[in-house]
N, C-alpha and C. Protein backbone atom coordinates (compact mmCIF):
# COMPACT_ATOMS: atom_id res chain seq x y z
N UNK A 1 259.21 3.84 332.71
CA UNK A 1 258.63 3.17 331.64
C UNK A 1 259.57 1.88 332.04
N UNK A 2 258.49 0.65 331.74
CA UNK A 2 258.99 -0.65 331.93
C UNK A 2 259.77 -1.20 330.69
N UNK A 3 260.38 -2.18 331.04
CA UNK A 3 261.11 -2.78 329.87
C UNK A 3 259.92 -3.61 329.10
N UNK A 4 260.28 -3.91 328.08
CA UNK A 4 259.23 -4.97 327.32
C UNK A 4 259.34 -6.28 327.90
N UNK A 5 258.34 -6.93 328.16
CA UNK A 5 258.32 -8.33 328.66
C UNK A 5 258.97 -9.37 327.69
N UNK A 6 259.88 -10.30 328.49
CA UNK A 6 260.51 -11.21 327.96
C UNK A 6 259.50 -12.27 326.95
N UNK A 7 259.99 -12.57 325.98
CA UNK A 7 259.00 -13.41 324.85
C UNK A 7 258.84 -14.81 325.89
N UNK A 8 257.71 -15.21 325.97
CA UNK A 8 257.36 -16.89 326.43
C UNK A 8 257.87 -17.80 325.44
N UNK A 9 258.26 -18.90 326.11
CA UNK A 9 258.62 -19.97 324.88
C UNK A 9 257.45 -20.51 324.01
N UNK A 10 257.67 -20.26 322.84
CA UNK A 10 256.75 -20.68 321.67
C UNK A 10 256.05 -21.91 322.00
N UNK A 11 254.87 -22.21 321.92
CA UNK A 11 254.19 -23.63 321.74
C UNK A 11 254.55 -24.25 320.55
N UNK A 12 254.77 -25.54 320.93
CA UNK A 12 254.99 -26.36 319.58
C UNK A 12 253.78 -26.51 318.61
N UNK A 13 254.16 -26.58 317.53
CA UNK A 13 252.97 -26.49 316.43
C UNK A 13 252.52 -28.02 316.32
N UNK A 14 251.32 -28.45 316.28
CA UNK A 14 250.89 -29.92 315.92
C UNK A 14 251.26 -30.41 314.90
N UNK A 15 250.88 -29.63 313.73
CA UNK A 15 251.61 -29.84 312.23
C UNK A 15 253.06 -30.49 312.21
N UNK A 16 253.80 -29.46 312.82
CA UNK A 16 255.28 -29.98 312.72
C UNK A 16 255.58 -31.03 313.39
N UNK A 17 254.97 -31.42 314.36
CA UNK A 17 255.02 -32.55 315.53
C UNK A 17 254.76 -33.91 314.49
N UNK A 18 253.55 -33.59 313.94
CA UNK A 18 253.09 -34.72 313.04
C UNK A 18 253.80 -34.97 312.00
N UNK A 19 254.32 -34.01 311.13
CA UNK A 19 255.33 -34.24 310.24
C UNK A 19 256.64 -35.01 310.55
N UNK A 20 257.27 -34.46 311.57
CA UNK A 20 258.49 -34.93 311.94
C UNK A 20 258.24 -36.34 312.65
N UNK A 21 257.08 -36.56 313.11
CA UNK A 21 256.95 -37.99 313.46
C UNK A 21 256.44 -38.94 312.41
N UNK A 22 255.93 -38.44 311.35
CA UNK A 22 255.75 -39.10 310.10
C UNK A 22 257.44 -39.67 309.40
N UNK A 23 258.10 -38.66 309.25
CA UNK A 23 259.47 -38.61 308.96
C UNK A 23 260.43 -39.87 309.87
N UNK A 24 260.10 -40.01 310.88
CA UNK A 24 260.56 -41.05 311.74
C UNK A 24 260.11 -41.18 313.08
N UNK A 25 259.63 -41.99 313.41
CA UNK A 25 258.93 -42.10 314.81
C UNK A 25 259.82 -41.70 316.01
N UNK A 26 259.42 -40.78 316.90
CA UNK A 26 259.90 -40.09 317.92
C UNK A 26 260.45 -39.03 317.90
N UNK A 27 260.74 -38.25 316.67
CA UNK A 27 261.35 -37.19 316.11
C UNK A 27 260.08 -35.88 316.71
N UNK A 28 258.72 -36.28 316.59
CA UNK A 28 257.62 -35.52 316.99
C UNK A 28 257.79 -35.28 318.64
N UNK A 29 258.19 -36.54 319.07
CA UNK A 29 257.91 -36.69 320.81
C UNK A 29 259.41 -35.45 320.97
N UNK A 30 260.57 -35.68 320.07
CA UNK A 30 261.54 -34.92 320.73
C UNK A 30 261.25 -33.09 320.30
N UNK A 31 260.47 -33.01 319.15
CA UNK A 31 260.19 -31.73 318.93
C UNK A 31 259.04 -31.08 320.05
N UNK A 32 258.53 -32.14 320.53
CA UNK A 32 257.53 -31.51 321.73
C UNK A 32 258.18 -31.39 323.21
N UNK A 33 259.33 -31.89 322.99
CA UNK A 33 260.31 -31.73 324.50
C UNK A 33 259.99 -32.84 325.24
N UNK A 34 259.51 -34.19 324.71
CA UNK A 34 259.27 -35.22 325.37
C UNK A 34 260.48 -36.08 325.33
N UNK A 35 261.68 -35.55 326.01
CA UNK A 35 262.95 -36.21 325.32
C UNK A 35 263.20 -37.73 325.79
N UNK A 36 262.33 -38.22 326.90
CA UNK A 36 262.45 -39.69 327.34
C UNK A 36 261.67 -40.40 326.44
N UNK A 37 260.54 -40.05 326.13
CA UNK A 37 259.96 -40.77 325.25
C UNK A 37 260.34 -40.72 323.98
N UNK A 38 260.62 -39.55 323.41
CA UNK A 38 261.41 -39.59 322.07
C UNK A 38 262.41 -40.36 321.80
N UNK A 39 263.40 -40.63 322.69
CA UNK A 39 264.57 -41.17 322.47
C UNK A 39 264.28 -42.82 322.63
N UNK A 40 263.18 -42.97 323.29
CA UNK A 40 262.89 -44.81 323.57
C UNK A 40 262.13 -44.74 322.24
N UNK A 41 261.21 -43.94 321.70
CA UNK A 41 260.54 -44.32 320.30
C UNK A 41 261.83 -44.45 319.30
N UNK A 42 262.40 -43.45 319.17
CA UNK A 42 263.42 -43.58 318.08
C UNK A 42 264.57 -44.78 318.14
N UNK A 43 264.85 -45.16 319.44
CA UNK A 43 265.52 -46.30 319.60
C UNK A 43 264.80 -47.62 319.31
N UNK A 44 263.67 -47.55 319.91
CA UNK A 44 262.67 -48.88 319.72
C UNK A 44 262.27 -49.05 318.38
N UNK A 45 261.99 -48.08 317.59
CA UNK A 45 261.15 -48.18 316.39
C UNK A 45 262.41 -48.61 315.30
N UNK A 46 263.59 -48.10 315.45
CA UNK A 46 264.69 -48.43 314.64
C UNK A 46 264.98 -49.84 314.79
N UNK A 47 265.18 -50.24 315.98
CA UNK A 47 265.43 -51.62 316.27
C UNK A 47 264.24 -52.65 315.46
N UNK A 48 263.11 -52.18 315.69
CA UNK A 48 262.23 -53.10 314.96
C UNK A 48 262.06 -53.05 313.63
N UNK A 49 262.56 -51.82 312.91
CA UNK A 49 262.82 -51.69 311.36
C UNK A 49 264.04 -52.50 311.09
N UNK A 50 265.05 -52.31 311.90
CA UNK A 50 266.31 -53.26 311.53
C UNK A 50 266.11 -54.66 311.51
N UNK A 51 265.06 -55.27 312.47
CA UNK A 51 264.49 -56.39 312.63
C UNK A 51 263.81 -57.15 311.71
N UNK A 52 263.51 -56.21 310.96
CA UNK A 52 262.51 -56.72 309.68
C UNK A 52 263.14 -56.77 308.60
N UNK A 53 264.56 -56.70 308.52
CA UNK A 53 265.47 -56.70 307.20
C UNK A 53 266.08 -58.15 307.33
N UNK A 54 265.61 -59.19 306.19
CA UNK A 54 266.58 -60.20 306.23
C UNK A 54 268.00 -60.38 306.09
N UNK A 55 268.74 -60.01 307.23
CA UNK A 55 270.00 -60.04 307.14
C UNK A 55 270.73 -61.15 306.41
N UNK A 56 270.39 -62.39 307.11
CA UNK A 56 270.86 -63.78 306.24
C UNK A 56 270.85 -63.55 304.90
N UNK A 57 269.72 -63.20 304.35
CA UNK A 57 269.77 -63.16 302.78
C UNK A 57 270.64 -62.20 302.46
N UNK A 58 270.81 -60.97 302.76
CA UNK A 58 271.70 -60.14 302.34
C UNK A 58 273.23 -60.69 302.40
N UNK A 59 273.54 -61.16 303.58
CA UNK A 59 274.96 -61.81 303.58
C UNK A 59 274.88 -63.00 302.72
N UNK A 60 274.18 -63.77 302.50
CA UNK A 60 274.15 -64.66 301.35
C UNK A 60 274.47 -64.15 299.85
N UNK A 61 273.67 -63.19 299.52
CA UNK A 61 273.83 -62.47 298.21
C UNK A 61 275.03 -62.00 298.26
N UNK A 62 275.71 -61.15 299.45
CA UNK A 62 276.75 -60.58 299.26
C UNK A 62 278.14 -61.61 299.17
N UNK A 63 278.02 -63.00 299.77
CA UNK A 63 278.96 -63.82 299.55
C UNK A 63 278.98 -64.58 297.99
N UNK A 64 277.73 -64.57 297.50
CA UNK A 64 277.62 -65.41 296.01
C UNK A 64 278.26 -64.12 295.32
N UNK A 65 277.72 -62.78 295.57
CA UNK A 65 278.44 -61.68 294.65
C UNK A 65 280.09 -61.71 294.60
N UNK A 66 280.49 -61.91 296.01
CA UNK A 66 282.23 -61.84 296.06
C UNK A 66 282.71 -63.08 294.99
N UNK A 67 281.98 -64.34 295.42
CA UNK A 67 282.83 -65.47 294.74
C UNK A 67 282.58 -65.23 293.16
N UNK A 68 281.31 -65.00 292.82
CA UNK A 68 281.30 -64.78 291.33
C UNK A 68 282.18 -63.82 290.69
N UNK A 69 282.29 -62.57 291.32
CA UNK A 69 283.39 -61.45 290.88
C UNK A 69 284.55 -61.98 290.83
N UNK A 70 285.21 -62.97 291.70
CA UNK A 70 286.28 -63.55 291.62
C UNK A 70 286.44 -64.52 290.52
N UNK A 71 285.47 -65.29 290.21
CA UNK A 71 285.46 -66.43 289.20
C UNK A 71 285.37 -65.54 287.73
N UNK A 72 284.75 -64.48 287.85
CA UNK A 72 284.68 -63.75 286.56
C UNK A 72 285.99 -63.13 286.38
N UNK A 73 286.78 -62.67 287.42
CA UNK A 73 287.87 -62.11 287.38
C UNK A 73 288.92 -62.90 286.75
N UNK A 74 288.87 -64.27 287.28
CA UNK A 74 289.90 -65.22 286.74
C UNK A 74 289.60 -65.94 285.61
N UNK A 75 288.44 -65.43 285.09
CA UNK A 75 287.93 -66.16 283.53
C UNK A 75 287.38 -67.52 283.85
N UNK A 76 286.86 -67.86 284.92
CA UNK A 76 286.28 -69.26 285.08
C UNK A 76 284.71 -69.09 285.08
N UNK A 77 284.26 -68.07 285.01
CA UNK A 77 282.69 -68.14 284.87
C UNK A 77 282.33 -66.84 283.94
N UNK A 78 281.01 -67.23 283.57
CA UNK A 78 280.52 -66.56 282.33
C UNK A 78 279.52 -65.26 283.04
N UNK A 79 279.76 -64.02 282.90
CA UNK A 79 278.96 -63.06 283.66
C UNK A 79 277.58 -63.24 283.50
N UNK A 80 276.89 -63.77 282.70
CA UNK A 80 275.45 -64.05 282.68
C UNK A 80 275.08 -64.94 283.54
N UNK A 81 275.67 -66.13 283.73
CA UNK A 81 275.27 -67.06 284.65
C UNK A 81 275.72 -66.67 286.09
N UNK A 82 276.66 -65.71 286.28
CA UNK A 82 276.80 -65.33 287.56
C UNK A 82 275.86 -64.35 288.12
N UNK A 83 275.42 -63.57 287.25
CA UNK A 83 274.06 -62.74 287.44
C UNK A 83 272.84 -63.51 287.84
N UNK A 84 272.58 -64.60 287.15
CA UNK A 84 271.42 -65.62 287.37
C UNK A 84 271.62 -66.19 288.69
N UNK A 85 272.95 -66.79 289.27
CA UNK A 85 272.97 -67.29 290.50
C UNK A 85 272.83 -65.95 291.61
N UNK A 86 272.97 -64.81 291.38
CA UNK A 86 272.93 -63.81 292.14
C UNK A 86 271.35 -63.59 292.33
N UNK A 87 270.69 -63.64 291.11
CA UNK A 87 269.31 -63.40 291.12
C UNK A 87 268.51 -64.39 291.87
N UNK A 88 269.16 -65.69 291.54
CA UNK A 88 268.58 -66.82 292.45
C UNK A 88 268.59 -66.65 293.70
N UNK A 89 269.50 -66.30 294.42
CA UNK A 89 269.76 -66.19 295.82
C UNK A 89 268.97 -65.16 296.30
N UNK A 90 268.79 -63.94 295.51
CA UNK A 90 267.81 -62.80 295.99
C UNK A 90 266.60 -63.04 296.10
N UNK A 91 266.19 -63.98 295.18
CA UNK A 91 264.54 -64.17 295.32
C UNK A 91 264.13 -65.47 295.55
N UNK A 92 265.18 -66.63 296.03
CA UNK A 92 264.73 -67.68 296.77
C UNK A 92 263.76 -67.51 297.90
N UNK A 93 262.93 -68.24 298.01
CA UNK A 93 261.94 -67.96 299.44
C UNK A 93 262.56 -68.14 300.60
N UNK A 94 261.95 -67.42 301.41
CA UNK A 94 262.67 -67.37 303.02
C UNK A 94 261.81 -68.50 303.90
N UNK A 95 262.64 -69.20 304.46
CA UNK A 95 261.89 -70.01 305.44
C UNK A 95 260.73 -69.79 306.35
N UNK A 96 259.76 -70.36 306.42
CA UNK A 96 258.58 -70.01 307.09
C UNK A 96 258.59 -69.33 308.34
N UNK A 97 259.53 -69.65 309.22
CA UNK A 97 259.63 -69.10 310.73
C UNK A 97 260.40 -67.73 310.34
N UNK A 98 261.14 -67.56 309.32
CA UNK A 98 261.82 -66.33 309.25
C UNK A 98 260.85 -65.40 308.60
N UNK A 99 259.90 -66.07 307.68
CA UNK A 99 258.99 -64.98 307.22
C UNK A 99 258.00 -64.35 308.10
N UNK A 100 257.63 -65.33 309.18
CA UNK A 100 256.71 -64.90 310.14
C UNK A 100 257.27 -64.03 311.16
N UNK A 101 258.56 -64.26 311.54
CA UNK A 101 259.20 -63.23 312.45
C UNK A 101 259.29 -61.82 311.70
N UNK A 102 259.89 -62.01 310.38
CA UNK A 102 259.80 -60.55 309.91
C UNK A 102 258.57 -59.86 309.61
N UNK A 103 257.57 -60.65 309.39
CA UNK A 103 256.26 -59.88 309.00
C UNK A 103 255.86 -59.28 310.59
N UNK A 104 256.01 -60.19 311.71
CA UNK A 104 255.78 -59.37 312.81
C UNK A 104 256.53 -58.25 313.35
N UNK A 105 257.75 -58.41 312.89
CA UNK A 105 258.60 -57.10 313.13
C UNK A 105 257.89 -55.88 312.53
N UNK A 106 257.78 -56.16 311.27
CA UNK A 106 257.45 -54.97 310.50
C UNK A 106 255.89 -54.53 310.72
N UNK A 107 254.98 -55.21 311.04
CA UNK A 107 253.93 -54.79 311.47
C UNK A 107 254.02 -53.95 312.93
N UNK A 108 254.57 -54.49 313.82
CA UNK A 108 254.83 -54.25 315.24
C UNK A 108 255.63 -52.35 314.91
N UNK A 109 256.53 -52.56 314.25
CA UNK A 109 257.01 -51.08 313.62
C UNK A 109 256.08 -50.10 313.04
N UNK A 110 255.29 -50.80 312.04
CA UNK A 110 254.45 -49.86 311.55
C UNK A 110 253.07 -49.25 312.59
N UNK A 111 252.93 -50.30 313.29
CA UNK A 111 251.79 -49.84 314.40
C UNK A 111 252.56 -49.07 315.24
N UNK A 112 253.69 -49.07 315.88
CA UNK A 112 254.49 -48.08 316.65
C UNK A 112 254.80 -46.76 316.05
N UNK A 113 254.99 -46.81 314.78
CA UNK A 113 254.89 -45.52 313.83
C UNK A 113 253.62 -44.91 313.94
N UNK A 114 252.73 -45.54 313.61
CA UNK A 114 251.21 -44.81 313.54
C UNK A 114 250.95 -44.21 315.07
N UNK A 115 251.09 -45.03 316.03
CA UNK A 115 250.63 -44.63 317.26
C UNK A 115 251.52 -43.26 317.81
N UNK A 116 252.88 -43.27 317.53
CA UNK A 116 253.68 -42.32 317.80
C UNK A 116 253.39 -41.03 317.47
N UNK A 117 252.87 -41.16 315.92
CA UNK A 117 252.69 -40.07 315.19
C UNK A 117 251.45 -39.45 315.71
N UNK A 118 250.53 -40.35 315.85
CA UNK A 118 249.26 -39.67 316.77
C UNK A 118 249.52 -38.94 317.96
N UNK A 119 250.11 -39.75 319.01
CA UNK A 119 250.63 -39.20 320.27
C UNK A 119 251.41 -37.73 320.05
N UNK A 120 252.17 -37.76 319.06
CA UNK A 120 252.93 -36.23 319.06
C UNK A 120 251.98 -35.13 318.51
N UNK A 121 251.18 -35.57 317.77
CA UNK A 121 249.74 -34.51 317.31
C UNK A 121 249.22 -34.21 318.35
N UNK A 122 248.56 -35.21 318.86
CA UNK A 122 247.56 -34.80 320.03
C UNK A 122 248.20 -34.23 321.11
N UNK A 123 249.39 -34.54 321.58
CA UNK A 123 250.04 -33.82 322.50
C UNK A 123 250.41 -32.29 322.38
N UNK A 124 251.00 -32.15 320.86
CA UNK A 124 251.56 -30.70 320.80
C UNK A 124 249.99 -29.90 320.58
N UNK A 125 248.86 -30.54 319.91
CA UNK A 125 247.72 -29.95 319.94
C UNK A 125 246.87 -29.47 321.24
N UNK A 126 247.36 -30.43 322.26
CA UNK A 126 246.60 -30.14 323.54
C UNK A 126 247.30 -29.18 324.32
N UNK A 127 248.87 -28.93 324.10
CA UNK A 127 249.65 -28.03 324.49
C UNK A 127 249.47 -26.65 324.16
N UNK A 128 249.04 -26.53 322.65
CA UNK A 128 248.96 -25.46 322.04
C UNK A 128 247.92 -24.25 322.67
N UNK A 129 248.26 -23.23 322.68
CA UNK A 129 247.49 -22.08 323.25
C UNK A 129 246.92 -21.40 322.26
N UNK A 130 245.76 -20.76 322.38
CA UNK A 130 245.00 -20.27 321.32
C UNK A 130 245.74 -18.78 321.35
N UNK A 131 245.85 -18.14 320.08
CA UNK A 131 246.32 -16.74 320.13
C UNK A 131 245.73 -15.81 320.93
N UNK A 132 246.21 -14.71 321.47
CA UNK A 132 245.63 -13.97 322.34
C UNK A 132 245.40 -12.75 321.66
N UNK A 133 244.49 -11.90 321.60
CA UNK A 133 243.97 -10.70 320.94
C UNK A 133 244.74 -9.70 321.44
N UNK A 134 244.99 -8.79 320.50
CA UNK A 134 245.82 -7.30 321.12
C UNK A 134 244.72 -6.53 322.01
N UNK A 135 245.56 -6.12 322.96
CA UNK A 135 245.02 -5.14 323.75
C UNK A 135 244.39 -3.86 323.36
């Protein structure tokens, strides 16, 4: 009597690759065992999403918040006016060049996200083997 055959490595499911890639670009490629492409995708798209954050504005809001908190603690500022100053800093218009760069980074990140989701799904779908009928 022969021992039972070893199970073959299970094919990756297209739906799970699609869902993982929707969650974060590159996870579907890692799921499909495309480690180089998956690592590059996770790194690249993370960098694009981080580039689409107006870091200068966040730093400005943080410094105004710290200044106003110190003035409130010392009794030199009214809390209502402090909140107004913080809100003015948060909603002040961005410079035109910054707006264009942030928009380009966000569009590039979303386009790459869509492409990588499609690529993970199609790769997993092409590699899937149809179920075999019992003998």
